[in-house]
C-alpha cells in the first residue's frame, strides 16, 4: 500500500489550493472557547438532546437539541428530525486519517514556525 491513510491525507491537505475568507474579531479567546470541546469530546454533549420521540421509522423520529446563538448565554430548544441531527453531527467528523485536532494543530504549528524562519531570514 505504500503510504498510510494519514500520510495521504496530509499530502492532499497541504498540496490543495484553499480559499479562506477570515476577519479577526478579537484576540482569539472566543475561538479557543468554541474549539476546545472538540479536542476532548464530541460536538454534542448528552445534556443538549432534551427529548427524542419513539417512532416506527427513522423518517418519523424527531428530537429537540439545545442550541444558543453566538454572543448569548441562553439556550433554546431546536426541533430537528433525527436525520437532520445526524447530518449536522457528521459535519464535525474529521476526514479519514485525521484522528484528532492535534494532528492539524501540530502541522499548522510546524508550518507557522517555517514561515517565521523564512521571514526572519529575509
C-alpha atoms as a PDB file:
ATOM      1  CA  UNK A   1       0.000   0.000   0.000  1.00  0.00           C
ATOM      2  CA  UNK A   2       2.925   2.374   0.434  1.00  0.00           C
ATOM      3  CA  UNK A   3       1.641   5.399   2.301  1.00  0.00           C
ATOM      4  CA  UNK A   4      -0.808   5.047   5.139  1.00  0.00           C
ATOM      5  CA  UNK A   5      -4.075   6.989   5.218  1.00  0.00           C
ATOM      6  CA  UNK A   6      -2.681   9.724   7.480  1.00  0.00           C
ATOM      7  CA  UNK A   7       0.246  10.424   5.152  1.00  0.00           C
ATOM      8  CA  UNK A   8      -2.019  10.530   2.086  1.00  0.00           C
ATOM      9  CA  UNK A   9      -4.479  12.846   3.867  1.00  0.00           C
ATOM     10  CA  UNK A  10      -1.734  15.261   4.870  1.00  0.00           C
ATOM     11  CA  UNK A  11      -0.366  15.299   1.329  1.00  0.00           C
ATOM     12  CA  UNK A  12      -3.798  16.136  -0.062  1.00  0.00           C
ATOM     13  CA  UNK A  13      -4.434  18.814   2.575  1.00  0.00           C
ATOM     14  CA  UNK A  14      -1.116  20.624   2.137  1.00  0.00           C
ATOM     15  CA  UNK A  15      -0.983  20.460  -1.677  1.00  0.00           C
ATOM     16  CA  UNK A  16      -4.537  21.661  -2.255  1.00  0.00           C
ATOM     17  CA  UNK A  17      -5.288  25.327  -3.022  1.00  0.00           C
ATOM     18  CA  UNK A  18      -7.605  26.686  -0.337  1.00  0.00           C
ATOM     19  CA  UNK A  19      -9.669  29.867  -0.327  1.00  0.00           C
ATOM     20  CA  UNK A  20     -10.056  31.364   3.116  1.00  0.00           C
ATOM     21  CA  UNK A  21     -12.001  34.487   3.952  1.00  0.00           C
ATOM     22  CA  UNK A  22     -11.340  35.366   7.563  1.00  0.00           C
ATOM     23  CA  UNK A  23     -11.629  38.510   9.610  1.00  0.00           C
ATOM     24  CA  UNK A  24     -10.077  38.969  13.052  1.00  0.00           C
ATOM     25  CA  UNK A  25     -12.792  39.923  15.538  1.00  0.00           C
ATOM     26  CA  UNK A  26     -10.906  39.715  18.834  1.00  0.00           C
ATOM     27  CA  UNK A  27      -7.834  38.232  20.455  1.00  0.00           C
ATOM     28  CA  UNK A  28      -8.947  34.647  19.756  1.00  0.00           C
ATOM     29  CA  UNK A  29     -10.240  33.701  23.204  1.00  0.00           C
ATOM     30  CA  UNK A  30     -13.794  33.146  21.941  1.00  0.00           C
ATOM     31  CA  UNK A  31     -12.446  30.943  19.157  1.00  0.00           C
ATOM     32  CA  UNK A  32     -10.483  28.817  21.615  1.00  0.00           C
ATOM     33  CA  UNK A  33     -13.533  28.561  23.873  1.00  0.00           C
ATOM     34  CA  UNK A  34     -15.550  27.336  20.878  1.00  0.00           C
ATOM     35  CA  UNK A  35     -12.930  24.841  19.627  1.00  0.00           C
ATOM     36  CA  UNK A  36     -11.717  23.466  22.982  1.00  0.00           C
ATOM     37  CA  UNK A  37     -14.604  20.998  23.470  1.00  0.00           C
ATOM     38  CA  UNK A  38     -13.827  19.350  20.121  1.00  0.00           C
ATOM     39  CA  UNK A  39     -10.345  18.411  21.330  1.00  0.00           C
ATOM     40  CA  UNK A  40     -11.549  16.410  24.322  1.00  0.00           C
ATOM     41  CA  UNK A  41     -15.048  15.230  23.345  1.00  0.00           C
ATOM     42  CA  UNK A  42     -17.586  15.223  20.544  1.00  0.00           C
ATOM     43  CA  UNK A  43     -19.543  18.173  19.189  1.00  0.00           C
ATOM     44  CA  UNK A  44     -22.739  17.393  21.145  1.00  0.00           C
ATOM     45  CA  UNK A  45     -22.940  16.726  24.883  1.00  0.00           C
ATOM     46  CA  UNK A  46     -25.661  14.357  26.088  1.00  0.00           C
ATOM     47  CA  UNK A  47     -27.495  17.064  28.021  1.00  0.00           C
ATOM     48  CA  UNK A  48     -28.118  19.064  24.806  1.00  0.00           C
ATOM     49  CA  UNK A  49     -30.556  16.438  23.474  1.00  0.00           C
ATOM     50  CA  UNK A  50     -33.540  17.104  25.717  1.00  0.00           C
ATOM     51  CA  UNK A  51     -36.166  14.897  24.091  1.00  0.00           C
ATOM     52  CA  UNK A  52     -36.481  12.250  21.428  1.00  0.00           C
ATOM     53  CA  UNK A  53     -39.738  10.626  20.400  1.00  0.00           C
ATOM     54  CA  UNK A  54     -40.230   6.922  19.830  1.00  0.00           C
ATOM     55  CA  UNK A  55     -41.009   6.400  16.168  1.00  0.00           C
ATOM     56  CA  UNK A  56     -41.572   3.423  13.924  1.00  0.00           C
ATOM     57  CA  UNK A  57     -39.173   4.746  11.288  1.00  0.00           C
ATOM     58  CA  UNK A  58     -36.136   6.991  11.118  1.00  0.00           C
ATOM     59  CA  UNK A  59     -38.094   9.400   8.918  1.00  0.00           C
ATOM     60  CA  UNK A  60     -40.647   9.955  11.712  1.00  0.00           C
ATOM     61  CA  UNK A  61     -38.115  10.251  14.543  1.00  0.00           C
ATOM     62  CA  UNK A  62     -37.642  13.734  15.986  1.00  0.00           C
ATOM     63  CA  UNK A  63     -35.580  15.250  18.781  1.00  0.00           C
ATOM     64  CA  UNK A  64     -35.016  18.600  20.468  1.00  0.00           C
ATOM     65  CA  UNK A  65     -31.455  19.919  20.579  1.00  0.00           C
ATOM     66  CA  UNK A  66     -30.486  22.744  22.943  1.00  0.00           C
ATOM     67  CA  UNK A  67     -28.633  25.467  20.993  1.00  0.00           C
ATOM     68  CA  UNK A  68     -27.553  29.033  21.628  1.00  0.00           C
ATOM     69  CA  UNK A  69     -26.756  31.897  19.340  1.00  0.00           C
ATOM     70  CA  UNK A  70     -23.246  33.278  19.218  1.00  0.00           C
ATOM     71  CA  UNK A  71     -22.782  36.048  21.777  1.00  0.00           C
ATOM     72  CA  UNK A  72     -25.592  34.872  24.051  1.00  0.00           C
ATOM     73  CA  UNK A  73     -25.692  32.574  27.054  1.00  0.00           C
ATOM     74  CA  UNK A  74     -29.327  31.477  26.685  1.00  0.00           C
ATOM     75  CA  UNK A  75     -30.116  28.067  25.239  1.00  0.00           C
ATOM     76  CA  UNK A  76     -33.304  27.329  23.308  1.00  0.00           C
ATOM     77  CA  UNK A  77     -34.794  24.117  22.022  1.00  0.00           C
ATOM     78  CA  UNK A  78     -34.382  23.430  18.300  1.00  0.00           C
ATOM     79  CA  UNK A  79     -36.699  20.682  16.999  1.00  0.00           C
ATOM     80  CA  UNK A  80     -34.957  18.508  14.397  1.00  0.00           C
ATOM     81  CA  UNK A  81     -35.609  15.313  12.544  1.00  0.00           C
ATOM     82  CA  UNK A  82     -33.136  12.640  13.554  1.00  0.00           C
ATOM     83  CA  UNK A  83     -31.753  12.550  10.012  1.00  0.00           C
ATOM     84  CA  UNK A  84     -31.094  16.327  10.129  1.00  0.00           C
ATOM     85  CA  UNK A  85     -29.386  15.914  13.516  1.00  0.00           C
ATOM     86  CA  UNK A  86     -27.153  13.158  12.079  1.00  0.00           C
ATOM     87  CA  UNK A  87     -26.343  15.330   9.040  1.00  0.00           C
ATOM     88  CA  UNK A  88     -25.297  18.231  11.279  1.00  0.00           C
ATOM     89  CA  UNK A  89     -23.283  15.956  13.568  1.00  0.00           C
ATOM     90  CA  UNK A  90     -21.418  14.400  10.624  1.00  0.00           C
ATOM     91  CA  UNK A  91     -20.207  17.847   9.552  1.00  0.00           C
ATOM     92  CA  UNK A  92     -17.922  17.675  12.621  1.00  0.00           C
ATOM     93  CA  UNK A  93     -16.343  14.314  11.760  1.00  0.00           C
ATOM     94  CA  UNK A  94     -12.721  14.589  10.673  1.00  0.00           C
ATOM     95  CA  UNK A  95     -11.578  13.204   7.315  1.00  0.00           C
ATOM     96  CA  UNK A  96     -10.183   9.670   7.205  1.00  0.00           C
ATOM     97  CA  UNK A  97      -6.678   9.528   8.629  1.00  0.00           C
ATOM     98  CA  UNK A  98      -7.047  12.621  10.818  1.00  0.00           C
ATOM     99  CA  UNK A  99      -7.937  11.136  14.157  1.00  0.00           C
ATOM    100  CA  UNK A 100      -7.813  14.253  16.269  1.00  0.00           C
ATOM    101  CA  UNK A 101      -7.487  18.002  16.096  1.00  0.00           C
ATOM    102  CA  UNK A 102      -3.917  17.806  17.387  1.00  0.00           C
ATOM    103  CA  UNK A 103      -2.781  16.366  14.029  1.00  0.00           C
ATOM    104  CA  UNK A 104      -3.913  19.540  12.305  1.00  0.00           C
ATOM    105  CA  UNK A 105      -2.641  21.796  15.075  1.00  0.00           C
ATOM    106  CA  UNK A 106       0.795  20.175  15.041  1.00  0.00           C
ATOM    107  CA  UNK A 107       1.068  20.582  11.277  1.00  0.00           C
ATOM    108  CA  UNK A 108      -0.125  24.193  11.492  1.00  0.00           C
ATOM    109  CA  UNK A 109       2.422  24.989  14.210  1.00  0.00           C
ATOM    110  CA  UNK A 110       5.247  23.472  12.161  1.00  0.00           C
ATOM    111  CA  UNK A 111       4.145  25.485   9.123  1.00  0.00           C
ATOM    112  CA  UNK A 112       3.956  28.670  11.210  1.00  0.00           C
ATOM    113  CA  UNK A 113       7.482  28.043  12.508  1.00  0.00           C
ATOM    114  CA  UNK A 114       8.740  27.564   8.951  1.00  0.00           C
ATOM    115  CA  UNK A 115       7.091  30.838   7.913  1.00  0.00           C
ATOM    116  CA  UNK A 116       8.653  32.705  10.841  1.00  0.00           C
ATOM    117  CA  UNK A 117      12.080  31.306   9.953  1.00  0.00           C
ATOM    118  CA  UNK A 118      11.643  32.196   6.281  1.00  0.00           C
ATOM    119  CA  UNK A 119      10.543  35.764   7.045  1.00  0.00           C
ATOM    120  CA  UNK A 120      13.293  36.326   9.611  1.00  0.00           C
ATOM    121  CA  UNK A 121      15.968  35.241   7.117  1.00  0.00           C
ATOM    122  CA  UNK A 122      14.951  37.970   4.641  1.00  0.00           C
END
